[in-house]
């Protein structure tokens, strides 16, 4: 069985309420905008679609960053975000719905199933489907990743930023004598 075929239990989301999510990002982008993913889309969002990639476990964003980072510089100027999802959720198949706000969190038990659905409906909002979050298993370890959509219905009623803390990688995770990344000034207006 490959990580993409692995299936996770969606009851996790009913048991863990309120839900705390984690995101590791450059400190200057530690917010709930999702604009970065709109400009450089990931696996679960389309170009122009704001998204925030998070995990239910604190170590997964660290592993994800390591998997997608060149090993010739130790990333610096990072922040670890703690994001909270709250609400009164009712399970309707693989969707959690807050009956008060009609906000929804869609759950895909496996990466293979999520890929199949995202190929069929590549941009939720273009076809009137408006979840504020989609949960998919991590490919790196068997835990949940949650993609948040700030434009989704109920996002601002259910999602809040709990904290932003500076984060620094332990240099032992990189080859010996790897230099630390020097912060570049952002010249964009």
Protein backbone atom coordinates (compact mmCIF):
# COMPACT_ATOMS: atom_id res chain seq x y z
CA UNK A 1 0.00 0.00 0.00
CA UNK A 2 1.36 3.41 -0.95
CA UNK A 3 0.83 6.55 1.18
CA UNK A 4 -1.68 7.72 -1.42
CA UNK A 5 -3.86 4.64 -0.88
CA UNK A 6 -3.76 4.88 2.90
CA UNK A 7 -7.13 5.66 4.47
CA UNK A 8 -7.66 7.69 7.65
CA UNK A 9 -10.66 7.76 10.01
CA UNK A 10 -12.80 10.89 9.50
CA UNK A 11 -14.18 10.60 13.06
CA UNK A 12 -10.94 12.31 14.11
CA UNK A 13 -12.62 15.63 13.30
CA UNK A 14 -15.62 14.97 15.54
CA UNK A 15 -13.44 13.88 18.46
CA UNK A 16 -10.99 16.80 18.29
CA UNK A 17 -13.20 19.84 18.83
CA UNK A 18 -12.23 22.59 18.73
CA UNK A 19 -9.51 21.62 16.28
CA UNK A 20 -5.98 23.06 16.36
CA UNK A 21 -4.04 23.16 13.10
CA UNK A 22 -0.39 23.99 12.46
CA UNK A 23 1.39 25.79 9.63
CA UNK A 24 5.08 26.61 9.13
CA UNK A 25 5.71 29.59 6.88
CA UNK A 26 7.95 32.59 6.33
CA UNK A 27 7.24 35.00 9.21
CA UNK A 28 6.11 37.79 6.88
CA UNK A 29 3.37 35.48 5.51
CA UNK A 30 2.09 34.24 8.87
CA UNK A 31 -1.53 35.28 8.38
CA UNK A 32 -4.83 33.86 7.17
CA UNK A 33 -4.86 35.41 3.70
CA UNK A 34 -4.04 32.41 1.48
CA UNK A 35 -2.71 34.75 -1.22
CA UNK A 36 0.61 32.92 -1.56
CA UNK A 37 -1.10 29.69 -2.61
CA UNK A 38 -3.25 31.63 -5.09
CA UNK A 39 -0.04 32.83 -6.78
CA UNK A 40 1.81 29.50 -6.48
CA UNK A 41 -0.87 26.80 -6.19
CA UNK A 42 -0.30 23.50 -4.45
CA UNK A 43 -1.84 20.08 -4.93
CA UNK A 44 -5.25 21.05 -3.55
CA UNK A 45 -5.92 24.52 -4.96
CA UNK A 46 -6.16 26.05 -8.40
CA UNK A 47 -4.33 29.16 -9.68
CA UNK A 48 -6.03 32.23 -8.24
CA UNK A 49 -7.69 30.24 -5.44
CA UNK A 50 -6.58 31.40 -1.99
CA UNK A 51 -5.60 28.49 0.27
CA UNK A 52 -3.75 27.85 3.52
CA UNK A 53 -2.06 24.46 3.88
CA UNK A 54 -2.06 23.14 7.48
CA UNK A 55 -1.81 19.91 9.46
CA UNK A 56 -3.42 18.47 12.57
CA UNK A 57 0.02 17.54 13.92
CA UNK A 58 2.74 20.04 14.78
CA UNK A 59 5.62 18.03 13.24
CA UNK A 60 4.09 17.58 9.79
CA UNK A 61 4.60 21.17 8.56
CA UNK A 62 8.25 20.81 9.62
CA UNK A 63 8.58 17.57 7.62
CA UNK A 64 6.78 19.13 4.65
CA UNK A 65 9.14 22.13 4.70
CA UNK A 66 12.16 19.81 4.85
CA UNK A 67 10.82 17.72 1.96
CA UNK A 68 10.37 20.81 -0.24
CA UNK A 69 13.50 22.76 0.74
CA UNK A 70 16.88 22.57 -1.02
CA UNK A 71 19.48 21.25 1.43
CA UNK A 72 22.10 23.91 0.61
CA UNK A 73 20.64 26.55 2.99
CA UNK A 74 18.95 26.27 6.36
CA UNK A 75 15.63 28.14 6.06
CA UNK A 76 15.31 31.11 8.41
CA UNK A 77 12.78 33.79 9.35
CA UNK A 78 10.09 31.17 9.83
CA UNK A 79 6.98 31.23 11.99
CA UNK A 80 4.86 28.42 13.37
CA UNK A 81 1.17 29.29 13.25
CA UNK A 82 -1.49 27.71 15.46
CA UNK A 83 -4.90 27.98 13.85
CA UNK A 84 -8.18 27.10 15.53
CA UNK A 85 -11.34 25.74 13.93
CA UNK A 86 -14.45 25.90 16.08
CA UNK A 87 -18.13 25.22 15.48
CA UNK A 88 -20.98 22.85 16.18
CA UNK A 89 -20.38 20.12 13.62
CA UNK A 90 -22.67 17.42 12.34
CA UNK A 91 -21.35 14.61 10.17
CA UNK A 92 -23.10 14.18 6.83
CA UNK A 93 -21.20 11.37 5.10
CA UNK A 94 -17.67 12.70 4.58
CA UNK A 95 -18.63 16.32 5.17
CA UNK A 96 -18.88 18.15 8.48
CA UNK A 97 -21.50 20.88 8.49
CA UNK A 98 -22.20 23.57 11.05
CA UNK A 99 -25.99 23.73 10.99
CA UNK A 100 -26.02 27.30 12.28
CA UNK A 101 -23.80 28.78 9.53
CA UNK A 102 -24.00 26.06 6.83
CA UNK A 103 -20.18 26.11 6.72
CA UNK A 104 -18.62 22.83 5.60
CA UNK A 105 -15.37 20.92 5.98
CA UNK A 106 -14.99 18.17 3.36
CA UNK A 107 -13.09 15.02 4.31
CA UNK A 108 -11.29 12.75 1.86
CA UNK A 109 -10.22 9.49 3.54
CA UNK A 110 -7.40 8.87 1.07
CA UNK A 111 -5.14 10.94 -1.19
CA UNK A 112 -6.16 8.76 -4.14
CA UNK A 113 -9.85 9.61 -3.56
CA UNK A 114 -9.08 13.32 -3.14
CA UNK A 115 -7.05 13.36 -6.39
CA UNK A 116 -9.93 11.69 -8.20
CA UNK A 117 -12.39 14.31 -6.94
CA UNK A 118 -10.09 17.27 -7.56
CA UNK A 119 -9.54 16.14 -11.16
CA UNK A 120 -13.31 15.96 -11.60
CA UNK A 121 -14.01 19.33 -9.94
CA UNK A 122 -10.69 21.24 -10.07
CA UNK A 123 -12.01 24.49 -8.65
CA UNK A 124 -14.72 24.18 -5.99
CA UNK A 125 -15.81 27.78 -6.14
CA UNK A 126 -16.26 27.80 -9.93
CA UNK A 127 -19.05 25.23 -9.65
CA UNK A 128 -20.76 26.65 -6.56
CA UNK A 129 -19.22 24.28 -3.99
CA UNK A 130 -18.01 26.50 -1.20
CA UNK A 131 -16.28 24.60 1.66
CA UNK A 132 -14.04 26.60 4.00
CA UNK A 133 -11.78 23.56 4.49
CA UNK A 134 -10.82 20.25 2.90
CA UNK A 135 -9.10 17.49 4.89
CA UNK A 136 -6.78 15.04 3.11
CA UNK A 137 -4.24 12.55 4.44
CA UNK A 138 -0.60 13.63 4.39
CA UNK A 139 1.55 11.74 1.88
CA UNK A 140 4.54 12.01 4.21
CA UNK A 141 3.05 10.50 7.40
CA UNK A 142 -0.41 9.02 8.17
CA UNK A 143 -2.07 12.11 9.70
CA UNK A 144 -4.53 14.70 8.44
CA UNK A 145 -3.62 17.79 6.46
CA UNK A 146 -6.30 20.47 6.21
CA UNK A 147 -6.43 23.01 3.41
CA UNK A 148 -8.29 26.16 4.44
CA UNK A 149 -10.04 28.37 1.90
CA UNK A 150 -10.49 31.97 3.13
CA UNK A 151 -13.10 32.57 0.42
CA UNK A 152 -15.14 29.57 1.59
CA UNK A 153 -18.49 29.97 3.32
CA UNK A 154 -18.06 30.38 7.07
CA UNK A 155 -14.27 30.67 7.06
CA UNK A 156 -14.12 33.87 9.11
CA UNK A 157 -16.80 32.62 11.54
CA UNK A 158 -14.99 29.33 12.25
CA UNK A 159 -11.26 29.93 11.72
CA UNK A 160 -9.03 32.04 13.95
CA UNK A 161 -5.30 32.54 14.37
CA UNK A 162 -4.38 31.43 17.91
CA UNK A 163 -0.68 32.25 17.83
CA UNK A 164 2.38 32.92 15.71
CA UNK A 165 5.74 31.91 17.17
CA UNK A 166 9.24 32.23 15.70
CA UNK A 167 10.58 28.89 14.46
CA UNK A 168 14.17 27.86 13.83
CA UNK A 169 15.38 24.57 12.35
CA UNK A 170 17.92 22.57 14.30
CA UNK A 171 21.10 22.69 12.18
CA UNK A 172 21.60 18.93 12.71
CA UNK A 173 18.82 18.33 10.16
CA UNK A 174 21.10 19.68 7.42
CA UNK A 175 24.55 18.66 6.17
CA UNK A 176 27.45 19.94 8.29
CA UNK A 177 28.48 23.56 7.62
CA UNK A 178 25.24 24.39 5.76
CA UNK A 179 24.77 28.15 5.94
CA UNK A 180 21.61 29.74 7.32
CA UNK A 181 19.47 31.51 4.73
CA UNK A 182 19.89 35.28 4.82
CA UNK A 183 16.64 37.24 4.79
CA UNK A 184 15.97 38.99 1.51
CA UNK A 185 14.22 42.35 1.61
CA UNK A 186 10.85 42.21 -0.10
CA UNK A 187 10.94 44.96 -2.75
CA UNK A 188 7.31 44.49 -3.78
CA UNK A 189 4.88 47.23 -2.87
